[in-house]
Amino acid sequence: MLVASEAIGDARWFIRVASKYAGERVVFDRPIGQNQAIQFPISRAYAETEAAALMVHKAAVLFQAGRRCGAEANMAKLLASETAWHAAEAALQTHGGFGYAKEYDVERKWRETRLMQIAPISTNLILAFLGEHVLGMPRSY
């Protein structure tokens, strides 16, 4: 749940930075955020982030109540790490070449965000857990 919460925070940072840049960067006498190709990936990342945040909240509520929360915690980490990556991609694409400029911090956080899909537990191990313990399928490893 901790890593999932961090991923949600990162996703929100990317969305905020991308939205701000999309509103400020003007090309051909209009902000780039006026283009659907810029606006839609950021908006999708926002929707995914809010959905993943709900799963993080559900896992935390179950944990706080002393109830089993393994499936919810795993799904929260899976969804949050993936949505953070999608938000990172949207921010990098929005910034274009400036996404690699040190003063924007986008590229650095983009690299760090990818780590969340493989550590401390990989997406594939989460899927194996869900398949076996939630869906009742045979152990896959």
N, C-alpha and C. Protein backbone atom coordinates (compact mmCIF):
# COMPACT_ATOMS: atom_id res chain seq x y z
N MET A 1 0.83 -1.19 0.00
CA MET A 1 0.00 0.00 0.00
C MET A 1 0.86 1.25 0.00
N LEU A 2 2.02 1.16 0.64
CA LEU A 2 2.92 2.31 0.68
C LEU A 2 3.42 2.65 -0.72
N VAL A 3 3.87 1.67 -1.46
CA VAL A 3 4.36 1.91 -2.82
C VAL A 3 3.22 2.38 -3.71
N ALA A 4 2.05 1.82 -3.52
CA ALA A 4 0.88 2.25 -4.30
C ALA A 4 0.56 3.71 -4.02
N SER A 5 0.64 4.10 -2.77
CA SER A 5 0.39 5.50 -2.41
C SER A 5 1.43 6.43 -3.03
N GLU A 6 2.67 5.99 -3.02
CA GLU A 6 3.73 6.78 -3.66
C GLU A 6 3.46 6.92 -5.16
N ALA A 7 3.03 5.84 -5.78
CA ALA A 7 2.73 5.88 -7.22
C ALA A 7 1.59 6.84 -7.52
N ILE A 8 0.59 6.86 -6.66
CA ILE A 8 -0.53 7.80 -6.84
C ILE A 8 -0.01 9.24 -6.75
N GLY A 9 0.84 9.49 -5.78
CA GLY A 9 1.43 10.82 -5.66
C GLY A 9 2.23 11.21 -6.89
N ASP A 10 3.00 10.27 -7.41
CA ASP A 10 3.77 10.53 -8.62
C ASP A 10 2.85 10.81 -9.80
N ALA A 11 1.83 9.99 -9.95
CA ALA A 11 0.88 10.19 -11.05
C ALA A 11 0.25 11.57 -10.98
N ARG A 12 -0.14 11.97 -9.79
CA ARG A 12 -0.75 13.30 -9.62
C ARG A 12 0.25 14.40 -9.95
N TRP A 13 1.51 14.20 -9.60
CA TRP A 13 2.54 15.19 -9.93
C TRP A 13 2.67 15.31 -11.46
N PHE A 14 2.77 14.16 -12.14
CA PHE A 14 2.90 14.18 -13.60
C PHE A 14 1.69 14.87 -14.25
N ILE A 15 0.51 14.57 -13.77
CA ILE A 15 -0.70 15.16 -14.33
C ILE A 15 -0.70 16.67 -14.12
N ARG A 16 -0.34 17.09 -12.92
CA ARG A 16 -0.30 18.53 -12.62
C ARG A 16 0.73 19.25 -13.50
N VAL A 17 1.92 18.68 -13.62
CA VAL A 17 2.99 19.29 -14.41
C VAL A 17 2.62 19.31 -15.90
N ALA A 18 2.07 18.21 -16.38
CA ALA A 18 1.70 18.14 -17.80
C ALA A 18 0.57 19.11 -18.12
N SER A 19 -0.42 19.18 -17.25
CA SER A 19 -1.56 20.08 -17.47
C SER A 19 -1.10 21.53 -17.49
N LYS A 20 -0.23 21.87 -16.55
CA LYS A 20 0.28 23.24 -16.47
C LYS A 20 1.07 23.58 -17.74
N TYR A 21 1.96 22.70 -18.13
CA TYR A 21 2.78 22.94 -19.33
C TYR A 21 1.90 23.02 -20.57
N ALA A 22 0.90 22.15 -20.66
CA ALA A 22 0.00 22.15 -21.82
C ALA A 22 -0.78 23.46 -21.93
N GLY A 23 -1.05 24.09 -20.82
CA GLY A 23 -1.75 25.36 -20.84
C GLY A 23 -0.84 26.54 -21.13
N GLU A 24 0.45 26.40 -20.81
CA GLU A 24 1.41 27.50 -20.98
C GLU A 24 2.15 27.47 -22.31
N ARG A 25 2.42 26.29 -22.82
CA ARG A 25 3.22 26.16 -24.05
C ARG A 25 2.37 26.52 -25.25
N VAL A 26 2.77 27.53 -25.97
CA VAL A 26 2.01 28.01 -27.12
C VAL A 26 2.76 27.67 -28.40
N VAL A 27 2.08 27.02 -29.32
CA VAL A 27 2.61 26.70 -30.64
C VAL A 27 1.54 27.07 -31.66
N PHE A 28 1.91 27.73 -32.70
CA PHE A 28 0.97 28.19 -33.73
C PHE A 28 -0.15 29.03 -33.12
N ASP A 29 0.24 29.91 -32.21
CA ASP A 29 -0.66 30.89 -31.60
C ASP A 29 -1.76 30.29 -30.73
N ARG A 30 -1.54 29.09 -30.20
CA ARG A 30 -2.52 28.51 -29.27
C ARG A 30 -1.81 27.52 -28.34
N PRO A 31 -2.36 27.37 -27.12
CA PRO A 31 -1.73 26.43 -26.18
C PRO A 31 -1.85 24.99 -26.70
N ILE A 32 -0.80 24.21 -26.49
CA ILE A 32 -0.82 22.83 -26.99
C ILE A 32 -1.90 22.00 -26.30
N GLY A 33 -2.30 22.39 -25.11
CA GLY A 33 -3.36 21.68 -24.40
C GLY A 33 -4.71 21.77 -25.08
N GLN A 34 -4.82 22.62 -26.07
CA GLN A 34 -6.06 22.74 -26.84
C GLN A 34 -6.20 21.57 -27.82
N ASN A 35 -5.11 20.85 -28.05
CA ASN A 35 -5.11 19.72 -28.97
C ASN A 35 -5.50 18.43 -28.23
N GLN A 36 -6.40 17.68 -28.83
CA GLN A 36 -6.86 16.45 -28.19
C GLN A 36 -5.72 15.45 -28.01
N ALA A 37 -4.75 15.45 -28.91
CA ALA A 37 -3.62 14.53 -28.80
C ALA A 37 -2.81 14.79 -27.53
N ILE A 38 -2.86 15.98 -27.03
CA ILE A 38 -2.19 16.33 -25.77
C ILE A 38 -3.15 16.12 -24.60
N GLN A 39 -4.37 16.60 -24.76
CA GLN A 39 -5.36 16.61 -23.68
C GLN A 39 -5.83 15.21 -23.29
N PHE A 40 -6.08 14.35 -24.26
CA PHE A 40 -6.67 13.05 -23.95
C PHE A 40 -5.77 12.13 -23.11
N PRO A 41 -4.48 11.99 -23.42
CA PRO A 41 -3.64 11.12 -22.56
C PRO A 41 -3.54 11.63 -21.12
N ILE A 42 -3.50 12.93 -20.94
CA ILE A 42 -3.44 13.49 -19.59
C ILE A 42 -4.76 13.23 -18.87
N SER A 43 -5.86 13.41 -19.57
CA SER A 43 -7.18 13.17 -18.98
C SER A 43 -7.37 11.70 -18.63
N ARG A 44 -6.92 10.81 -19.49
CA ARG A 44 -7.02 9.37 -19.21
C ARG A 44 -6.18 9.02 -17.99
N ALA A 45 -4.99 9.57 -17.90
CA ALA A 45 -4.13 9.32 -16.74
C ALA A 45 -4.81 9.80 -15.47
N TYR A 46 -5.50 10.94 -15.56
CA TYR A 46 -6.23 11.44 -14.39
C TYR A 46 -7.32 10.46 -13.96
N ALA A 47 -8.11 9.97 -14.92
CA ALA A 47 -9.18 9.02 -14.59
C ALA A 47 -8.61 7.74 -13.99
N GLU A 48 -7.53 7.23 -14.57
CA GLU A 48 -6.89 6.02 -14.05
C GLU A 48 -6.35 6.25 -12.64
N THR A 49 -5.79 7.41 -12.42
CA THR A 49 -5.22 7.73 -11.11
C THR A 49 -6.29 7.75 -10.03
N GLU A 50 -7.42 8.37 -10.33
CA GLU A 50 -8.50 8.44 -9.35
C GLU A 50 -9.06 7.05 -9.06
N ALA A 51 -9.16 6.20 -10.07
CA ALA A 51 -9.63 4.82 -9.86
C ALA A 51 -8.63 4.02 -9.02
N ALA A 52 -7.35 4.16 -9.33
CA ALA A 52 -6.33 3.46 -8.55
C ALA A 52 -6.30 3.95 -7.11
N ALA A 53 -6.51 5.24 -6.92
CA ALA A 53 -6.54 5.80 -5.56
C ALA A 53 -7.67 5.20 -4.74
N LEU A 54 -8.78 4.91 -5.39
CA LEU A 54 -9.89 4.26 -4.68
C LEU A 54 -9.50 2.86 -4.21
N MET A 55 -8.74 2.14 -5.01
CA MET A 55 -8.29 0.80 -4.60
C MET A 55 -7.29 0.90 -3.47
N VAL A 56 -6.42 1.89 -3.50
CA VAL A 56 -5.48 2.10 -2.39
C VAL A 56 -6.27 2.38 -1.11
N HIS A 57 -7.27 3.22 -1.22
CA HIS A 57 -8.10 3.56 -0.06
C HIS A 57 -8.82 2.32 0.48
N LYS A 58 -9.37 1.51 -0.42
CA LYS A 58 -10.07 0.30 0.00
C LYS A 58 -9.12 -0.64 0.76
N ALA A 59 -7.92 -0.82 0.22
CA ALA A 59 -6.95 -1.68 0.89
C ALA A 59 -6.58 -1.13 2.27
N ALA A 60 -6.41 0.17 2.36
CA ALA A 60 -6.05 0.79 3.64
C ALA A 60 -7.18 0.66 4.66
N VAL A 61 -8.42 0.81 4.22
CA VAL A 61 -9.57 0.66 5.12
C VAL A 61 -9.63 -0.77 5.66
N LEU A 62 -9.44 -1.75 4.79
CA LEU A 62 -9.45 -3.15 5.23
C LEU A 62 -8.31 -3.42 6.21
N PHE A 63 -7.13 -2.92 5.89
CA PHE A 63 -5.98 -3.11 6.78
C PHE A 63 -6.25 -2.49 8.14
N GLN A 64 -6.74 -1.27 8.15
CA GLN A 64 -7.03 -0.56 9.41
C GLN A 64 -8.06 -1.31 10.25
N ALA A 65 -8.99 -1.97 9.58
CA ALA A 65 -10.03 -2.73 10.28
C ALA A 65 -9.55 -4.11 10.71
N GLY A 66 -8.29 -4.46 10.39
CA GLY A 66 -7.75 -5.76 10.75
C GLY A 66 -8.27 -6.90 9.88
N ARG A 67 -8.78 -6.56 8.72
CA ARG A 67 -9.33 -7.57 7.81
C ARG A 67 -8.29 -7.95 6.76
N ARG A 68 -8.53 -9.07 6.10
CA ARG A 68 -7.63 -9.52 5.03
C ARG A 68 -7.64 -8.49 3.90
N CYS A 69 -6.47 -8.14 3.43
CA CYS A 69 -6.39 -7.11 2.39
C CYS A 69 -5.31 -7.41 1.35
N GLY A 70 -4.85 -8.65 1.32
CA GLY A 70 -3.78 -9.01 0.38
C GLY A 70 -4.15 -8.76 -1.07
N ALA A 71 -5.33 -9.18 -1.46
CA ALA A 71 -5.75 -8.98 -2.85
C ALA A 71 -5.88 -7.50 -3.17
N GLU A 72 -6.51 -6.77 -2.27
CA GLU A 72 -6.71 -5.34 -2.50
C GLU A 72 -5.37 -4.58 -2.52
N ALA A 73 -4.47 -4.94 -1.61
CA ALA A 73 -3.15 -4.28 -1.58
C ALA A 73 -2.38 -4.57 -2.87
N ASN A 74 -2.44 -5.81 -3.31
CA ASN A 74 -1.76 -6.17 -4.56
C ASN A 74 -2.37 -5.46 -5.76
N MET A 75 -3.70 -5.41 -5.82
CA MET A 75 -4.36 -4.71 -6.93
C MET A 75 -4.06 -3.22 -6.88
N ALA A 76 -3.99 -2.66 -5.69
CA ALA A 76 -3.67 -1.24 -5.54
C ALA A 76 -2.27 -0.96 -6.10
N LYS A 77 -1.32 -1.81 -5.77
CA LYS A 77 0.05 -1.62 -6.25
C LYS A 77 0.12 -1.78 -7.76
N LEU A 78 -0.56 -2.78 -8.29
CA LEU A 78 -0.59 -3.01 -9.73
C LEU A 78 -1.17 -1.80 -10.47
N LEU A 79 -2.36 -1.39 -10.05
CA LEU A 79 -3.05 -0.30 -10.73
C LEU A 79 -2.32 1.03 -10.57
N ALA A 80 -1.85 1.31 -9.37
CA ALA A 80 -1.19 2.58 -9.11
C ALA A 80 0.14 2.68 -9.86
N SER A 81 0.91 1.60 -9.90
CA SER A 81 2.20 1.66 -10.61
C SER A 81 1.97 1.82 -12.11
N GLU A 82 0.95 1.18 -12.63
CA GLU A 82 0.67 1.32 -14.06
C GLU A 82 0.13 2.70 -14.40
N THR A 83 -0.75 3.23 -13.56
CA THR A 83 -1.26 4.57 -13.86
C THR A 83 -0.18 5.62 -13.70
N ALA A 84 0.74 5.44 -12.76
CA ALA A 84 1.86 6.38 -12.63
C ALA A 84 2.70 6.36 -13.90
N TRP A 85 2.90 5.17 -14.45
CA TRP A 85 3.67 5.06 -15.69
C TRP A 85 2.93 5.74 -16.84
N HIS A 86 1.62 5.54 -16.93
CA HIS A 86 0.84 6.20 -17.98
C HIS A 86 0.89 7.72 -17.84
N ALA A 87 0.80 8.20 -16.62
CA ALA A 87 0.87 9.64 -16.38
C ALA A 87 2.27 10.16 -16.72
N ALA A 88 3.29 9.39 -16.41
CA ALA A 88 4.66 9.78 -16.73
C ALA A 88 4.85 9.87 -18.24
N GLU A 89 4.34 8.89 -18.96
CA GLU A 89 4.41 8.89 -20.41
C GLU A 89 3.68 10.10 -20.99
N ALA A 90 2.51 10.40 -20.46
CA ALA A 90 1.73 11.55 -20.95
C ALA A 90 2.50 12.85 -20.70
N ALA A 91 3.11 12.97 -19.54
CA ALA A 91 3.87 14.18 -19.22
C ALA A 91 5.09 14.31 -20.12
N LEU A 92 5.80 13.21 -20.34
CA LEU A 92 6.98 13.26 -21.19
C LEU A 92 6.59 13.62 -22.62
N GLN A 93 5.53 13.02 -23.12
CA GLN A 93 5.05 13.34 -24.48
C GLN A 93 4.60 14.79 -24.58
N THR A 94 3.93 15.28 -23.56
CA THR A 94 3.45 16.66 -23.56
C THR A 94 4.62 17.63 -23.62
N HIS A 95 5.67 17.34 -22.88
CA HIS A 95 6.84 18.22 -22.85
C HIS A 95 7.72 18.08 -24.08
N GLY A 96 7.55 16.99 -24.83
CA GLY A 96 8.40 16.78 -25.99
C GLY A 96 9.87 16.75 -25.58
N GLY A 97 10.71 17.42 -26.35
CA GLY A 97 12.14 17.46 -26.04
C GLY A 97 12.46 18.09 -24.71
N PHE A 98 11.59 19.02 -24.26
CA PHE A 98 11.82 19.65 -22.96
C PHE A 98 11.61 18.65 -21.81
N GLY A 99 10.99 17.52 -22.09
CA GLY A 99 10.82 16.49 -21.07
C GLY A 99 12.15 15.95 -20.57
N TYR A 100 13.20 16.12 -21.37
CA TYR A 100 14.53 15.67 -20.97
C TYR A 100 15.37 16.78 -20.34
N ALA A 101 14.85 17.99 -20.33
CA ALA A 101 15.59 19.11 -19.72
C ALA A 101 15.56 18.97 -18.20
N LYS A 102 16.71 19.11 -17.58
CA LYS A 102 16.82 18.92 -16.13
C LYS A 102 15.90 19.84 -15.34
N GLU A 103 15.68 21.04 -15.81
CA GLU A 103 14.88 22.00 -15.04
C GLU A 103 13.41 21.60 -14.91
N TYR A 104 12.94 20.66 -15.72
CA TYR A 104 11.54 20.22 -15.62
C TYR A 104 11.37 18.99 -14.73
N ASP A 105 12.42 18.24 -14.49
CA ASP A 105 12.40 17.03 -13.64
C ASP A 105 11.54 15.89 -14.18
N VAL A 106 11.00 16.02 -15.36
CA VAL A 106 10.09 15.00 -15.89
C VAL A 106 10.84 13.70 -16.19
N GLU A 107 11.95 13.80 -16.88
CA GLU A 107 12.68 12.59 -17.28
C GLU A 107 13.18 11.81 -16.06
N ARG A 108 13.67 12.52 -15.06
CA ARG A 108 14.17 11.84 -13.85
C ARG A 108 13.04 11.06 -13.16
N LYS A 109 11.91 11.72 -12.97
CA LYS A 109 10.79 11.04 -12.32
C LYS A 109 10.21 9.96 -13.23
N TRP A 110 10.27 10.14 -14.53
CA TRP A 110 9.81 9.14 -15.49
C TRP A 110 10.59 7.84 -15.29
N ARG A 111 11.92 7.96 -15.18
CA ARG A 111 12.76 6.77 -14.94
C ARG A 111 12.44 6.12 -13.60
N GLU A 112 12.29 6.95 -12.56
CA GLU A 112 12.02 6.42 -11.22
C GLU A 112 10.66 5.74 -11.15
N THR A 113 9.71 6.26 -11.89
CA THR A 113 8.36 5.70 -11.87
C THR A 113 8.32 4.30 -12.46
N ARG A 114 9.14 4.04 -13.44
CA ARG A 114 9.16 2.70 -14.06
C ARG A 114 9.55 1.63 -13.05
N LEU A 115 10.38 1.99 -12.09
CA LEU A 115 10.82 1.04 -11.07
C LEU A 115 9.66 0.44 -10.30
N MET A 116 8.60 1.20 -10.10
CA MET A 116 7.48 0.73 -9.29
C MET A 116 6.77 -0.49 -9.87
N GLN A 117 6.95 -0.74 -11.16
CA GLN A 117 6.34 -1.92 -11.75
C GLN A 117 7.13 -3.20 -11.50
N ILE A 118 8.36 -3.04 -11.04
CA ILE A 118 9.18 -4.23 -10.81
C ILE A 118 9.63 -4.40 -9.36
N ALA A 119 9.46 -3.38 -8.55
CA ALA A 119 9.92 -3.47 -7.16
C ALA A 119 8.90 -2.81 -6.24
N PRO A 120 8.73 -3.22 -5.05
CA PRO A 120 9.40 -4.35 -4.41
C PRO A 120 8.84 -5.71 -4.86
N ILE A 121 7.76 -5.69 -5.59
CA ILE A 121 7.22 -6.92 -6.16
C ILE A 121 6.76 -6.60 -7.58
N SER A 122 7.04 -7.51 -8.50
CA SER A 122 6.75 -7.23 -9.90
C SER A 122 5.27 -7.40 -10.22
N THR A 123 4.88 -6.77 -11.29
CA THR A 123 3.50 -6.88 -11.76
C THR A 123 3.14 -8.34 -12.03
N ASN A 124 4.07 -9.10 -12.58
CA ASN A 124 3.78 -10.51 -12.87
C ASN A 124 3.53 -11.32 -11.60
N LEU A 125 4.26 -11.03 -10.53
CA LEU A 125 4.01 -11.74 -9.27
C LEU A 125 2.65 -11.36 -8.69
N ILE A 126 2.25 -10.12 -8.87
CA ILE A 126 0.91 -9.72 -8.42
C ILE A 126 -0.15 -10.48 -9.20
N LEU A 127 0.03 -10.58 -10.51
CA LEU A 127 -0.94 -11.31 -11.33
C LEU A 127 -0.98 -12.80 -10.95
N ALA A 128 0.18 -13.37 -10.63
CA ALA A 128 0.22 -14.76 -10.18
C ALA A 128 -0.53 -14.92 -8.86
N PHE A 129 -0.34 -13.98 -7.94
CA PHE A 129 -1.05 -14.01 -6.66
C PHE A 129 -2.56 -13.96 -6.88
N LEU A 130 -3.01 -13.02 -7.71
CA LEU A 130 -4.45 -12.89 -7.97
C LEU A 130 -5.00 -14.14 -8.63
N GLY A 131 -4.27 -14.67 -9.61
CA GLY A 131 -4.72 -15.87 -10.29
C GLY A 131 -4.90 -17.05 -9.35
N GLU A 132 -3.92 -17.23 -8.46
CA GLU A 132 -3.96 -18.36 -7.54
C GLU A 132 -4.88 -18.13 -6.35
N HIS A 133 -4.69 -17.03 -5.64
CA HIS A 133 -5.37 -16.82 -4.36
C HIS A 133 -6.75 -16.19 -4.45
N VAL A 134 -7.02 -15.48 -5.53
CA VAL A 134 -8.32 -14.84 -5.68
C VAL A 134 -9.19 -15.59 -6.67
N LEU A 135 -8.60 -15.98 -7.78
CA LEU A 135 -9.37 -16.63 -8.84
C LEU A 135 -9.35 -18.15 -8.78
N GLY A 136 -8.53 -18.71 -7.87
CA GLY A 136 -8.52 -20.16 -7.65
C GLY A 136 -7.85 -20.97 -8.74
N MET A 137 -7.01 -20.37 -9.52
CA MET A 137 -6.30 -21.11 -10.57
C MET A 137 -5.08 -21.80 -9.97
N PRO A 138 -4.55 -22.80 -10.67
CA PRO A 138 -3.35 -23.48 -10.15
C PRO A 138 -2.17 -22.53 -10.07
N ARG A 139 -1.30 -22.81 -9.14
CA ARG A 139 -0.08 -22.00 -8.98
C ARG A 139 0.71 -22.01 -10.29
N SER A 140 1.18 -20.85 -10.72
CA SER A 140 1.84 -20.74 -12.02
C SER A 140 3.36 -20.76 -11.96
N TYR A 141 3.91 -20.86 -10.79
CA TYR A 141 5.37 -20.89 -10.68
C TYR A 141 5.81 -21.91 -9.67
